[in-house]
Amino acid sequence: MLHKSIPVSLFASGLLAGASALATPAFEVSLPPGAVFTDCEGCPDLVVIPPGEFTMGYDGGEPGRYEGPVREMQIARAFAMGRHEVTHGQFRRFVEASGHQTAGGCRIWDGESWQEPEWADWTDPGYGRPPEDDEPVACVSWLDARAYVDWLSEKTGQPYRLPTEAEWEYAARAGSEEAFPWGGDENEACRWANVYDRSGETEHGFPWAAADCDDGFAGVAPVGSFPPNALGLHDMLGNVWQWVEDCYIVPYPEDGPRDGSAVQVEGPCDRRSVRGGSWITRMYRHRLSWRGRDPEPTLFSFFGFRVARDLAPLEARP
């Protein structure tokens, strides 16, 4: 059962007098499902996601990209997820504060072919213009995303992390059992998400079919440009792909977690999962069960991420 949201800002309301407030046992403010809060000025807005059960995966997929087996998952505890993708401005503040070093060589489209110039990075993702602070950060690797959530944890004293793949699909579905959260018709996408559409086809001409609609953006869009889903989350599909915590395993292991935690392996992980599609992506890959997978250092001009955070027992209530 989904819950109506009652947006609140703990920081703005003064309930978070300091960054460590949520970490102290004395903190007894409880947050209902759908509540919106932030841990500090400049931190991502978070939405409280209730626990629940859902059916994950799909018995099919592209060759080499099986999305099954279909399995029942239980999200055992409430958690918080970024209301939006992490923005360029938020990531810039992290780099300035931490001195984090990012790599160049991001894969970009130069109008005719894919290129990986050394100058292409999160500061210049090949848009032909500087990225705006309210647009999702792009050209960031899984390693960069992990560095950001580790820094955010240290900054706030709170347990930030990347969402697990199960948490991501649960939150993106928001109660839907269809291929897309709005239903089964991919051409309805432009009301809800920034996808590869008619305007994108006109400007970029990628060699795959565009959605037969126009969302108003030929490229990346400011976060929150489209309505939220039933859980209060924006841009779960489209805009930029979102790195998640899991190591990509196909098929899903029989002894894999069923409680919403991440799939991990001993030793190095060959590829990490990415979810959600982007402004450049063919519609089939925006389906809620579709799984991308790339090595941790991968940089694409349409790869970004959003954050998740664990909630202490006193922070969440039914």
Protein backbone atom coordinates (compact mmCIF):
# COMPACT_ATOMS: atom_id res chain seq x y z
CA MET A 1 0.00 0.00 0.00
CA LEU A 2 1.36 3.41 -0.94
CA HIS A 3 1.09 6.42 1.27
CA LYS A 4 0.43 10.07 0.49
CA SER A 5 3.44 12.26 1.12
CA ILE A 6 3.56 15.14 3.56
CA PRO A 7 6.65 17.11 2.56
CA VAL A 8 8.71 18.42 5.47
CA SER A 9 12.22 19.79 5.70
CA LEU A 10 13.89 18.98 8.99
CA PHE A 11 16.78 21.27 8.18
CA ALA A 12 14.60 24.20 7.19
CA SER A 13 12.31 23.74 10.19
CA GLY A 14 15.20 23.86 12.64
CA LEU A 15 14.76 20.28 13.81
CA LEU A 16 18.27 19.59 12.60
CA ALA A 17 20.25 22.11 14.57
CA GLY A 18 23.47 20.32 13.63
CA ALA A 19 24.59 17.68 11.20
CA SER A 20 24.86 15.06 13.94
CA ALA A 21 21.30 15.43 15.20
CA LEU A 22 19.94 12.33 13.49
CA ALA A 23 22.85 10.25 14.77
CA THR A 24 22.13 10.87 18.44
CA PRO A 25 19.91 8.47 20.44
CA ALA A 26 17.95 11.46 21.76
CA PHE A 27 16.60 12.26 18.30
CA GLU A 28 12.97 11.15 18.47
CA VAL A 29 11.29 12.83 15.51
CA SER A 30 9.55 10.15 13.43
CA LEU A 31 8.98 10.54 9.72
CA PRO A 32 5.96 9.09 7.90
CA PRO A 33 6.31 7.39 4.51
CA GLY A 34 6.56 10.04 1.81
CA ALA A 35 8.04 12.68 4.10
CA VAL A 36 10.73 14.81 2.48
CA PHE A 37 13.74 15.94 4.50
CA THR A 38 17.36 16.94 4.15
CA ASP A 39 20.31 16.53 6.51
CA CYS A 40 22.13 19.75 5.66
CA GLU A 41 22.06 22.79 3.43
CA GLY A 42 23.12 21.64 -0.02
CA CYS A 43 22.50 17.97 0.73
CA PRO A 44 20.11 16.02 -1.50
CA ASP A 45 16.43 16.04 -0.57
CA LEU A 46 15.42 12.61 0.73
CA VAL A 47 12.05 10.84 0.61
CA VAL A 48 11.05 8.22 3.20
CA ILE A 49 10.25 4.96 1.37
CA PRO A 50 8.03 2.53 3.31
CA PRO A 51 8.79 -1.18 3.63
CA GLY A 52 6.83 -3.59 1.48
CA GLU A 53 6.83 -6.53 -0.90
CA PHE A 54 7.00 -6.59 -4.69
CA THR A 55 7.68 -8.86 -7.66
CA MET A 56 11.11 -8.11 -9.13
CA GLY A 57 12.45 -8.92 -12.58
CA TYR A 58 11.08 -10.22 -15.86
CA ASP A 59 11.36 -13.60 -17.54
CA GLY A 60 13.03 -12.28 -20.69
CA GLY A 61 15.28 -9.51 -21.92
CA GLU A 62 17.92 -8.85 -24.55
CA PRO A 63 20.50 -11.52 -25.42
CA GLY A 64 23.05 -11.62 -22.61
CA ARG A 65 20.89 -9.34 -20.46
CA TYR A 66 18.37 -11.70 -18.86
CA GLU A 67 16.18 -9.84 -16.35
CA GLY A 68 15.02 -12.84 -14.34
CA PRO A 69 14.17 -15.03 -12.79
CA VAL A 70 11.02 -13.35 -11.52
CA ARG A 71 11.24 -13.35 -7.74
CA GLU A 72 9.38 -12.08 -4.72
CA MET A 73 11.25 -9.43 -2.77
CA GLN A 74 10.60 -7.95 0.63
CA ILE A 75 11.91 -4.52 1.56
CA ALA A 76 12.06 -5.20 5.25
CA ARG A 77 12.70 -1.70 6.58
CA ALA A 78 11.87 1.84 5.61
CA PHE A 79 14.76 3.73 4.05
CA ALA A 80 15.31 7.10 2.42
CA MET A 81 16.08 7.73 -1.25
CA GLY A 82 17.12 10.86 -3.09
CA ARG A 83 14.11 12.77 -4.33
CA HIS A 84 16.10 13.62 -7.44
CA GLU A 85 19.26 12.49 -9.15
CA VAL A 86 22.37 14.08 -7.64
CA THR A 87 22.81 17.41 -9.38
CA HIS A 88 25.83 18.96 -11.02
CA GLY A 89 25.88 21.64 -8.31
CA GLN A 90 25.78 19.10 -5.48
CA PHE A 91 28.59 17.09 -7.03
CA ARG A 92 30.66 20.24 -7.60
CA ARG A 93 30.40 21.13 -3.90
CA PHE A 94 31.64 17.64 -3.06
CA VAL A 95 34.65 17.92 -5.39
CA GLU A 96 35.52 21.38 -4.06
CA ALA A 97 35.24 20.27 -0.42
CA SER A 98 36.93 16.88 -0.72
CA GLY A 99 39.48 17.35 -3.49
CA HIS A 100 38.17 14.18 -5.15
CA GLN A 101 39.95 13.47 -8.43
CA THR A 102 37.82 12.39 -11.37
CA ALA A 103 38.94 10.97 -14.70
CA GLY A 104 38.55 12.29 -18.24
CA GLY A 105 37.78 10.27 -21.33
CA CYS A 106 34.01 10.26 -20.85
CA ARG A 107 32.18 8.73 -23.80
CA ILE A 108 30.24 11.44 -25.64
CA TRP A 109 28.38 11.81 -28.93
CA ASP A 110 30.06 14.39 -31.20
CA GLY A 111 27.12 14.59 -33.61
CA GLU A 112 28.36 11.79 -35.83
CA SER A 113 29.97 9.12 -33.68
CA TRP A 114 30.93 8.14 -30.14
CA GLN A 115 34.21 9.61 -28.90
CA GLU A 116 36.18 9.49 -25.64
CA PRO A 117 38.23 12.72 -25.57
CA GLU A 118 40.40 13.30 -22.52
CA TRP A 119 38.77 16.67 -21.86
CA ALA A 120 35.29 15.12 -21.49
CA ASP A 121 34.36 14.73 -17.83
CA TRP A 122 31.64 15.77 -15.40
CA THR A 123 32.54 19.46 -15.92
CA ASP A 124 32.05 19.09 -19.69
CA PRO A 125 29.84 16.12 -20.64
CA GLY A 126 29.81 17.05 -24.32
CA TYR A 127 26.59 19.08 -24.32
CA GLY A 128 28.15 21.90 -26.34
CA ARG A 129 27.56 24.16 -23.34
CA PRO A 130 28.39 24.14 -19.62
CA PRO A 131 26.07 21.92 -17.54
CA GLU A 132 23.62 23.76 -15.28
CA ASP A 133 23.75 23.31 -11.50
CA ASP A 134 20.17 21.97 -11.41
CA GLU A 135 20.83 19.29 -14.05
CA PRO A 136 21.87 15.80 -12.99
CA VAL A 137 25.61 15.28 -12.82
CA ALA A 138 26.83 13.07 -15.68
CA CYS A 139 30.14 11.51 -16.74
CA VAL A 140 30.56 10.06 -13.26
CA SER A 141 31.69 6.50 -12.60
CA TRP A 142 30.43 4.07 -9.99
CA LEU A 143 33.63 4.87 -8.08
CA ASP A 144 32.81 8.60 -8.17
CA ALA A 145 29.28 7.89 -6.95
CA ARG A 146 30.60 5.81 -4.07
CA ALA A 147 33.09 8.53 -3.17
CA TYR A 148 30.24 11.06 -3.05
CA VAL A 149 28.06 9.01 -0.69
CA ASP A 150 31.08 8.26 1.53
CA TRP A 151 31.81 11.98 1.75
CA LEU A 152 28.16 12.76 2.47
CA SER A 153 28.20 10.19 5.29
CA GLU A 154 31.26 11.82 6.82
CA LYS A 155 29.82 15.32 6.38
CA THR A 156 26.46 14.57 8.01
CA GLY A 157 27.21 11.64 10.32
CA GLN A 158 24.45 9.69 8.57
CA PRO A 159 24.64 6.32 6.74
CA TYR A 160 24.47 7.38 3.09
CA ARG A 161 25.03 4.84 0.34
CA LEU A 162 23.93 3.93 -3.17
CA PRO A 163 20.52 2.27 -3.51
CA THR A 164 20.49 -1.46 -3.97
CA GLU A 165 19.08 -2.80 -7.21
CA ALA A 166 16.03 -4.21 -5.39
CA GLU A 167 15.40 -0.90 -3.59
CA TRP A 168 15.70 0.94 -6.88
CA GLU A 169 13.16 -1.25 -8.69
CA TYR A 170 10.79 -1.22 -5.71
CA ALA A 171 10.92 2.59 -5.50
CA ALA A 172 10.69 3.04 -9.28
CA ARG A 173 7.68 0.74 -9.53
CA ALA A 174 5.91 2.59 -6.72
CA GLY A 175 3.26 -0.13 -6.70
CA SER A 176 3.07 -0.66 -10.48
CA GLU A 177 3.24 -4.14 -12.00
CA GLU A 178 3.40 -2.81 -15.57
CA ALA A 179 6.45 -2.44 -17.81
CA PHE A 180 6.47 1.29 -17.03
CA PRO A 181 5.07 3.05 -13.95
CA TRP A 182 2.48 4.84 -16.09
CA GLY A 183 1.32 1.60 -17.79
CA GLY A 184 2.26 -0.48 -20.81
CA ASP A 185 2.37 2.18 -23.57
CA GLU A 186 5.92 3.43 -24.07
CA ASN A 187 4.65 6.43 -26.07
CA GLU A 188 3.07 7.83 -22.89
CA ALA A 189 6.61 8.36 -21.54
CA CYS A 190 6.90 12.03 -22.45
CA ARG A 191 4.35 13.04 -19.81
CA TRP A 192 6.48 11.46 -17.11
CA ALA A 193 10.14 11.23 -18.12
CA ASN A 194 12.93 12.71 -20.21
CA VAL A 195 13.51 10.03 -22.85
CA TYR A 196 14.78 9.78 -26.41
CA ASP A 197 11.82 11.31 -28.21
CA ARG A 198 10.94 13.19 -31.39
CA SER A 199 12.88 16.32 -30.38
CA GLY A 200 15.90 14.19 -29.47
CA GLU A 201 15.67 12.40 -32.81
CA THR A 202 15.53 15.70 -34.67
CA GLU A 203 18.61 17.07 -32.89
CA HIS A 204 20.75 13.95 -32.51
CA GLY A 205 19.51 11.34 -34.98
CA PHE A 206 20.64 8.28 -33.06
CA PRO A 207 20.26 5.03 -35.02
CA TRP A 208 17.43 3.59 -32.92
CA ALA A 209 13.73 4.32 -32.69
CA ALA A 210 12.58 7.32 -30.68
CA ALA A 211 9.42 7.41 -28.61
CA ASP A 212 6.51 8.76 -30.64
CA CYS A 213 6.03 11.77 -28.38
CA ASP A 214 7.87 14.94 -27.35
CA ASP A 215 8.87 15.68 -23.76
CA GLY A 216 10.29 19.11 -24.54
CA PHE A 217 13.95 18.21 -24.01
CA ALA A 218 16.28 17.08 -26.79
CA GLY A 219 19.01 16.47 -24.19
CA VAL A 220 19.36 16.43 -20.42
CA ALA A 221 16.68 18.20 -18.32
CA PRO A 222 16.82 19.93 -14.92
CA VAL A 223 15.95 17.49 -12.15
CA GLY A 224 12.30 17.51 -11.16
CA SER A 225 11.08 18.71 -14.57
CA PHE A 226 8.52 15.90 -14.65
CA PRO A 227 5.89 14.80 -12.12
CA PRO A 228 6.96 12.50 -9.27
CA ASN A 229 5.89 8.89 -9.09
CA ALA A 230 3.48 7.59 -6.44
CA LEU A 231 6.27 7.55 -3.83
CA GLY A 232 7.30 11.15 -4.48
CA LEU A 233 10.45 10.41 -6.51
CA HIS A 234 11.32 12.31 -9.68
CA ASP A 235 13.12 11.01 -12.77
CA MET A 236 13.39 7.38 -11.75
CA LEU A 237 13.19 6.70 -15.47
CA GLY A 238 14.97 8.82 -18.06
CA ASN A 239 17.30 11.84 -17.80
CA VAL A 240 20.45 9.92 -16.73
CA TRP A 241 21.15 6.29 -15.90
CA GLN A 242 21.58 5.63 -12.18
CA TRP A 243 24.38 3.55 -10.71
CA VAL A 244 23.29 1.19 -7.94
CA GLU A 245 25.30 -0.75 -5.39
CA ASP A 246 24.92 -4.30 -6.70
CA CYS A 247 27.43 -6.38 -8.54
CA TYR A 248 25.75 -7.47 -11.79
CA ILE A 249 25.05 -11.22 -11.80
CA VAL A 250 23.03 -13.02 -14.52
CA PRO A 251 20.80 -14.77 -13.82
CA TYR A 252 19.96 -13.52 -10.36
CA PRO A 253 21.58 -16.06 -8.01
CA GLU A 254 19.27 -18.62 -6.45
CA ASP A 255 20.74 -17.86 -3.03
CA GLY A 256 20.68 -14.10 -3.64
CA PRO A 257 19.17 -11.73 -1.07
CA ARG A 258 15.39 -11.49 -0.89
CA ASP A 259 15.32 -8.68 1.70
CA GLY A 260 16.31 -5.79 -0.57
CA SER A 261 20.03 -5.88 0.19
CA ALA A 262 22.67 -5.74 -2.54
CA VAL A 263 24.14 -8.67 -4.47
CA GLN A 264 27.89 -8.72 -3.81
CA VAL A 265 30.75 -11.06 -4.65
CA GLU A 266 34.00 -11.99 -2.99
CA GLY A 267 36.89 -10.14 -4.58
CA PRO A 268 36.64 -7.66 -7.47
CA CYS A 269 33.26 -7.03 -9.11
CA ASP A 270 33.42 -7.29 -12.89
CA ARG A 271 30.45 -5.00 -13.54
CA ARG A 272 28.01 -2.89 -11.51
CA SER A 273 24.32 -2.50 -12.26
CA VAL A 274 22.79 0.68 -13.64
CA ARG A 275 19.08 1.38 -13.88
CA GLY A 276 16.45 3.65 -15.36
CA GLY A 277 17.48 4.72 -18.86
CA SER A 278 18.28 8.26 -19.98
CA TRP A 279 17.50 11.07 -22.41
CA ILE A 280 19.50 9.17 -25.04
CA THR A 281 18.13 5.66 -24.44
CA ARG A 282 15.80 3.55 -26.59
CA MET A 283 12.44 3.08 -24.89
CA TYR A 284 12.75 -0.69 -24.37
CA ARG A 285 15.58 -0.07 -21.92
CA HIS A 286 13.44 2.22 -19.77
CA ARG A 287 11.33 -0.70 -18.63
CA LEU A 288 11.31 -1.06 -14.85
CA SER A 289 12.99 -4.48 -14.93
CA TRP A 290 15.71 -3.68 -17.48
CA ARG A 291 19.26 -4.01 -16.13
CA GLY A 292 22.33 -2.23 -17.44
CA ARG A 293 25.82 -3.33 -16.43
CA ASP A 294 29.20 -1.67 -16.78
CA PRO A 295 32.66 -1.74 -15.16
CA GLU A 296 33.11 0.52 -12.13
CA PRO A 297 35.33 3.12 -13.91
CA THR A 298 32.92 3.58 -16.84
CA LEU A 299 32.16 7.19 -17.83
CA PHE A 300 29.24 8.01 -20.12
CA SER A 301 27.67 11.39 -20.79
CA PHE A 302 24.33 9.91 -19.69
CA PHE A 303 25.40 8.11 -16.48
CA GLY A 304 24.67 9.63 -13.07
CA PHE A 305 23.23 8.42 -9.76
CA ARG A 306 20.99 9.14 -6.80
CA VAL A 307 21.58 8.48 -3.12
CA ALA A 308 19.98 6.30 -0.48
CA ARG A 309 20.22 6.48 3.30
CA ASP A 310 19.42 4.10 6.12
CA LEU A 311 16.94 5.32 8.71
CA ALA A 312 17.30 4.82 12.44
CA PRO A 313 14.29 3.16 14.14
CA LEU A 314 13.14 6.44 15.66
CA GLU A 315 13.24 8.22 12.32
CA ALA A 316 10.69 6.09 10.53
CA ARG A 317 7.17 5.14 11.52
CA PRO A 318 4.41 3.18 9.75
